Amino acid sequence: EENDAPDLSRNVPVEYALSSAFPNPFNGSLLVNFQVQENSPYQVSIVDMSGRIVAKIASGISTIGNNSVVWKADKGISSGNYFVTLSSPGKKTLLQKVTLLK
């Protein structure tokens, strides 16, 4: 028997993931994309190379599927390498290296 209901499972990501930030290197604004499998608390931060959080760019309860946030680097943030981090309770923290050019 065929079921005509749409297969919504294809829209649910198969993993908790941090996609490539764009553009990288960037000058001013960075688009950060991430995927989650369940509605859960999350935080996206920017961390300098010494491990200090320089910006918390998003936090709250994620929606299932693809999510994106934009980081607009403040004038006080200097050029250099940073890590975008995605963290959620019970999950490993994911990192991605990005470069800010001014």
N, C-alpha and C. Protein backbone atom coordinates (compact mmCIF):
# COMPACT_ATOMS: atom_id res chain seq x y z
N GLU A 1 0.85 -1.18 0.00
CA GLU A 1 0.00 0.00 0.00
C GLU A 1 0.89 1.24 0.00
N GLU A 2 0.65 2.16 -0.91
CA GLU A 2 1.45 3.38 -0.98
C GLU A 2 0.90 4.44 -0.05
N ASN A 3 1.81 5.21 0.51
CA ASN A 3 1.42 6.30 1.39
C ASN A 3 1.75 7.61 0.68
N ASP A 4 0.76 8.47 0.48
CA ASP A 4 0.97 9.72 -0.23
C ASP A 4 1.46 10.85 0.67
N ALA A 5 1.64 10.57 1.94
CA ALA A 5 2.13 11.60 2.86
C ALA A 5 3.58 11.93 2.51
N PRO A 6 3.95 13.22 2.61
CA PRO A 6 5.35 13.57 2.30
C PRO A 6 6.31 12.97 3.31
N ASP A 7 7.50 12.65 2.85
CA ASP A 7 8.53 12.10 3.72
C ASP A 7 9.29 13.26 4.35
N LEU A 8 8.87 13.64 5.56
CA LEU A 8 9.49 14.78 6.23
C LEU A 8 10.86 14.44 6.79
N SER A 9 11.18 13.16 6.89
CA SER A 9 12.47 12.78 7.45
C SER A 9 13.64 13.28 6.60
N ARG A 10 13.39 13.52 5.33
CA ARG A 10 14.46 14.02 4.46
C ARG A 10 14.87 15.44 4.82
N ASN A 11 13.97 16.17 5.50
CA ASN A 11 14.27 17.55 5.87
C ASN A 11 14.99 17.67 7.20
N VAL A 12 15.08 16.57 7.94
CA VAL A 12 15.74 16.59 9.24
C VAL A 12 17.21 16.21 9.04
N PRO A 13 18.13 17.04 9.51
CA PRO A 13 19.54 16.72 9.33
C PRO A 13 19.90 15.41 10.02
N VAL A 14 20.87 14.72 9.45
CA VAL A 14 21.28 13.45 10.03
C VAL A 14 22.33 13.65 11.12
N GLU A 15 22.77 14.89 11.30
CA GLU A 15 23.78 15.12 12.31
C GLU A 15 23.71 16.53 12.86
N TYR A 16 24.39 16.69 13.96
CA TYR A 16 24.63 17.99 14.59
C TYR A 16 25.89 18.50 13.92
N ALA A 17 25.81 19.61 13.19
CA ALA A 17 26.95 20.02 12.36
C ALA A 17 27.06 21.53 12.26
N LEU A 18 28.29 21.96 12.07
CA LEU A 18 28.61 23.36 11.80
C LEU A 18 29.12 23.40 10.36
N SER A 19 28.37 24.06 9.48
CA SER A 19 28.75 24.12 8.06
C SER A 19 29.78 25.22 7.85
N SER A 20 30.34 25.25 6.65
CA SER A 20 31.35 26.26 6.33
C SER A 20 30.78 27.66 6.46
N ALA A 21 31.47 28.48 7.26
CA ALA A 21 31.09 29.89 7.39
C ALA A 21 31.45 30.59 6.09
N PHE A 22 30.67 31.63 5.74
CA PHE A 22 30.87 32.31 4.47
C PHE A 22 30.75 33.81 4.65
N PRO A 23 31.57 34.62 4.00
CA PRO A 23 32.80 34.22 3.32
C PRO A 23 33.91 33.99 4.33
N ASN A 24 34.92 33.30 3.95
CA ASN A 24 36.07 33.07 4.82
C ASN A 24 37.32 33.03 3.95
N PRO A 25 38.20 34.03 4.07
CA PRO A 25 38.22 35.13 5.04
C PRO A 25 37.08 36.13 4.80
N PHE A 26 36.79 36.94 5.85
CA PHE A 26 35.70 37.89 5.76
C PHE A 26 36.14 39.26 6.24
N ASN A 27 35.34 40.26 5.87
CA ASN A 27 35.62 41.63 6.26
C ASN A 27 34.32 42.22 6.79
N GLY A 28 34.10 42.10 8.07
CA GLY A 28 32.90 42.71 8.67
C GLY A 28 31.81 41.74 9.04
N SER A 29 31.20 41.05 8.07
CA SER A 29 30.08 40.16 8.35
C SER A 29 30.39 38.73 7.93
N LEU A 30 29.98 37.80 8.77
CA LEU A 30 30.22 36.37 8.53
C LEU A 30 28.91 35.63 8.72
N LEU A 31 28.52 34.81 7.74
CA LEU A 31 27.32 33.99 7.85
C LEU A 31 27.72 32.62 8.38
N VAL A 32 27.11 32.22 9.49
CA VAL A 32 27.40 30.94 10.13
C VAL A 32 26.17 30.05 10.00
N ASN A 33 26.34 28.88 9.39
CA ASN A 33 25.25 27.92 9.21
C ASN A 33 25.50 26.70 10.07
N PHE A 34 24.43 26.20 10.70
CA PHE A 34 24.57 24.97 11.49
C PHE A 34 23.28 24.18 11.41
N GLN A 35 23.40 22.88 11.69
CA GLN A 35 22.27 21.97 11.62
C GLN A 35 22.12 21.24 12.95
N VAL A 36 20.87 21.03 13.34
CA VAL A 36 20.59 20.26 14.55
C VAL A 36 19.46 19.27 14.27
N GLN A 37 19.45 18.17 15.04
CA GLN A 37 18.46 17.12 14.86
C GLN A 37 17.26 17.28 15.77
N GLU A 38 17.38 18.14 16.79
CA GLU A 38 16.30 18.27 17.76
C GLU A 38 16.28 19.70 18.29
N ASN A 39 15.11 20.11 18.78
CA ASN A 39 15.03 21.42 19.42
C ASN A 39 15.79 21.32 20.73
N SER A 40 16.84 22.11 20.88
CA SER A 40 17.65 22.05 22.09
C SER A 40 18.37 23.37 22.29
N PRO A 41 18.82 23.63 23.53
CA PRO A 41 19.58 24.85 23.77
C PRO A 41 20.89 24.82 22.98
N TYR A 42 21.32 25.98 22.53
CA TYR A 42 22.58 26.06 21.79
C TYR A 42 23.19 27.43 22.02
N GLN A 43 24.47 27.53 21.68
CA GLN A 43 25.16 28.81 21.68
C GLN A 43 26.18 28.82 20.56
N VAL A 44 26.22 29.90 19.80
CA VAL A 44 27.24 30.12 18.79
C VAL A 44 28.09 31.29 19.26
N SER A 45 29.39 31.05 19.37
CA SER A 45 30.31 32.08 19.87
C SER A 45 31.49 32.24 18.94
N ILE A 46 32.17 33.37 19.11
CA ILE A 46 33.43 33.62 18.42
C ILE A 46 34.50 33.63 19.50
N VAL A 47 35.54 32.82 19.29
CA VAL A 47 36.60 32.64 20.28
C VAL A 47 37.93 33.00 19.64
N ASP A 48 38.76 33.77 20.38
CA ASP A 48 40.08 34.10 19.81
C ASP A 48 41.03 32.92 19.98
N MET A 49 42.23 33.06 19.45
CA MET A 49 43.18 31.94 19.45
C MET A 49 43.67 31.57 20.84
N SER A 50 43.46 32.43 21.83
CA SER A 50 43.85 32.09 23.20
C SER A 50 42.70 31.44 23.97
N GLY A 51 41.55 31.27 23.31
CA GLY A 51 40.41 30.61 23.94
C GLY A 51 39.42 31.56 24.61
N ARG A 52 39.63 32.87 24.48
CA ARG A 52 38.74 33.85 25.09
C ARG A 52 37.55 34.11 24.17
N ILE A 53 36.34 34.07 24.73
CA ILE A 53 35.13 34.37 23.94
C ILE A 53 35.11 35.88 23.68
N VAL A 54 35.11 36.26 22.41
CA VAL A 54 35.07 37.68 22.06
C VAL A 54 33.65 38.12 21.66
N ALA A 55 32.79 37.17 21.32
CA ALA A 55 31.40 37.50 20.98
C ALA A 55 30.53 36.27 21.13
N LYS A 56 29.37 36.44 21.74
CA LYS A 56 28.33 35.41 21.73
C LYS A 56 27.32 35.90 20.70
N ILE A 57 27.27 35.22 19.56
CA ILE A 57 26.47 35.77 18.47
C ILE A 57 25.05 35.21 18.40
N ALA A 58 24.80 34.09 19.05
CA ALA A 58 23.44 33.55 19.08
C ALA A 58 23.33 32.52 20.18
N SER A 59 22.17 32.47 20.79
CA SER A 59 21.89 31.42 21.78
C SER A 59 20.38 31.32 21.93
N GLY A 60 19.95 30.22 22.49
CA GLY A 60 18.53 30.00 22.69
C GLY A 60 18.19 28.56 22.42
N ILE A 61 16.98 28.34 21.94
CA ILE A 61 16.53 26.99 21.58
C ILE A 61 16.53 26.93 20.05
N SER A 62 17.31 26.01 19.52
CA SER A 62 17.40 25.88 18.07
C SER A 62 16.15 25.24 17.51
N THR A 63 15.92 25.48 16.24
CA THR A 63 14.85 24.77 15.54
C THR A 63 15.48 23.60 14.79
N ILE A 64 14.74 22.53 14.66
CA ILE A 64 15.25 21.36 13.96
C ILE A 64 15.54 21.73 12.52
N GLY A 65 16.69 21.29 12.04
CA GLY A 65 17.06 21.54 10.66
C GLY A 65 18.19 22.54 10.53
N ASN A 66 18.15 23.30 9.44
CA ASN A 66 19.21 24.26 9.15
C ASN A 66 18.92 25.59 9.83
N ASN A 67 19.95 26.14 10.45
CA ASN A 67 19.87 27.42 11.13
C ASN A 67 21.03 28.28 10.65
N SER A 68 20.86 29.59 10.69
CA SER A 68 21.97 30.47 10.34
C SER A 68 21.90 31.74 11.16
N VAL A 69 23.08 32.28 11.43
CA VAL A 69 23.23 33.54 12.14
C VAL A 69 24.33 34.33 11.46
N VAL A 70 24.29 35.65 11.63
CA VAL A 70 25.31 36.52 11.05
C VAL A 70 26.08 37.19 12.18
N TRP A 71 27.40 37.18 12.07
CA TRP A 71 28.25 37.91 13.00
C TRP A 71 28.76 39.15 12.30
N LYS A 72 28.48 40.30 12.89
CA LYS A 72 29.02 41.56 12.40
C LYS A 72 30.11 41.96 13.38
N ALA A 73 31.35 41.76 12.98
CA ALA A 73 32.49 42.02 13.87
C ALA A 73 32.54 43.50 14.24
N ASP A 74 32.61 43.77 15.54
CA ASP A 74 32.73 45.15 16.03
C ASP A 74 34.04 45.77 15.58
N LYS A 75 34.06 47.09 15.56
CA LYS A 75 35.29 47.79 15.17
C LYS A 75 36.44 47.48 16.12
N GLY A 76 36.13 47.12 17.36
CA GLY A 76 37.17 46.80 18.34
C GLY A 76 37.79 45.43 18.17
N ILE A 77 37.24 44.62 17.28
CA ILE A 77 37.79 43.27 17.04
C ILE A 77 38.88 43.40 15.98
N SER A 78 40.08 42.96 16.31
CA SER A 78 41.18 43.12 15.36
C SER A 78 41.24 41.99 14.33
N SER A 79 41.91 42.29 13.22
CA SER A 79 42.13 41.29 12.19
C SER A 79 42.85 40.09 12.79
N GLY A 80 42.56 38.91 12.25
CA GLY A 80 43.25 37.71 12.72
C GLY A 80 42.38 36.49 12.61
N ASN A 81 42.87 35.40 13.19
CA ASN A 81 42.15 34.13 13.16
C ASN A 81 41.31 33.97 14.42
N TYR A 82 40.13 33.41 14.22
CA TYR A 82 39.18 33.15 15.30
C TYR A 82 38.55 31.78 15.07
N PHE A 83 37.87 31.29 16.09
CA PHE A 83 37.09 30.07 15.95
C PHE A 83 35.62 30.41 16.14
N VAL A 84 34.78 29.88 15.25
CA VAL A 84 33.34 29.88 15.47
C VAL A 84 33.07 28.60 16.24
N THR A 85 32.33 28.68 17.35
CA THR A 85 32.02 27.48 18.11
C THR A 85 30.51 27.30 18.18
N LEU A 86 30.09 26.06 18.09
CA LEU A 86 28.69 25.68 18.28
C LEU A 86 28.67 24.72 19.45
N SER A 87 27.93 25.08 20.50
CA SER A 87 27.85 24.19 21.66
C SER A 87 26.39 23.98 22.04
N SER A 88 26.14 22.78 22.56
CA SER A 88 24.81 22.39 22.99
C SER A 88 24.99 21.34 24.09
N PRO A 89 24.20 21.41 25.17
CA PRO A 89 24.36 20.44 26.26
C PRO A 89 24.28 19.00 25.76
N GLY A 90 25.21 18.18 26.20
CA GLY A 90 25.23 16.78 25.83
C GLY A 90 25.86 16.51 24.48
N LYS A 91 26.31 17.54 23.80
CA LYS A 91 26.95 17.38 22.48
C LYS A 91 28.37 17.92 22.57
N LYS A 92 29.24 17.43 21.68
CA LYS A 92 30.58 17.99 21.64
C LYS A 92 30.52 19.40 21.06
N THR A 93 31.45 20.25 21.48
CA THR A 93 31.53 21.59 20.92
C THR A 93 32.23 21.50 19.57
N LEU A 94 31.61 22.08 18.55
CA LEU A 94 32.18 22.07 17.21
C LEU A 94 32.89 23.39 16.96
N LEU A 95 34.02 23.32 16.26
CA LEU A 95 34.84 24.51 15.97
C LEU A 95 35.05 24.65 14.48
N GLN A 96 35.19 25.91 14.05
CA GLN A 96 35.59 26.19 12.68
C GLN A 96 36.46 27.45 12.70
N LYS A 97 37.62 27.35 12.07
CA LYS A 97 38.55 28.48 12.02
C LYS A 97 38.11 29.46 10.94
N VAL A 98 38.08 30.75 11.30
CA VAL A 98 37.76 31.80 10.33
C VAL A 98 38.80 32.91 10.46
N THR A 99 38.92 33.69 9.40
CA THR A 99 39.90 34.78 9.39
C THR A 99 39.20 36.10 9.10
N LEU A 100 39.41 37.06 10.00
CA LEU A 100 38.88 38.41 9.83
C LEU A 100 39.97 39.28 9.23
N LEU A 101 39.65 39.89 8.09
CA LEU A 101 40.58 40.82 7.42
C LEU A 101 39.93 42.20 7.43
N LYS A 102 40.69 43.19 7.88
CA LYS A 102 40.14 44.57 7.88
C LYS A 102 40.95 45.44 6.97
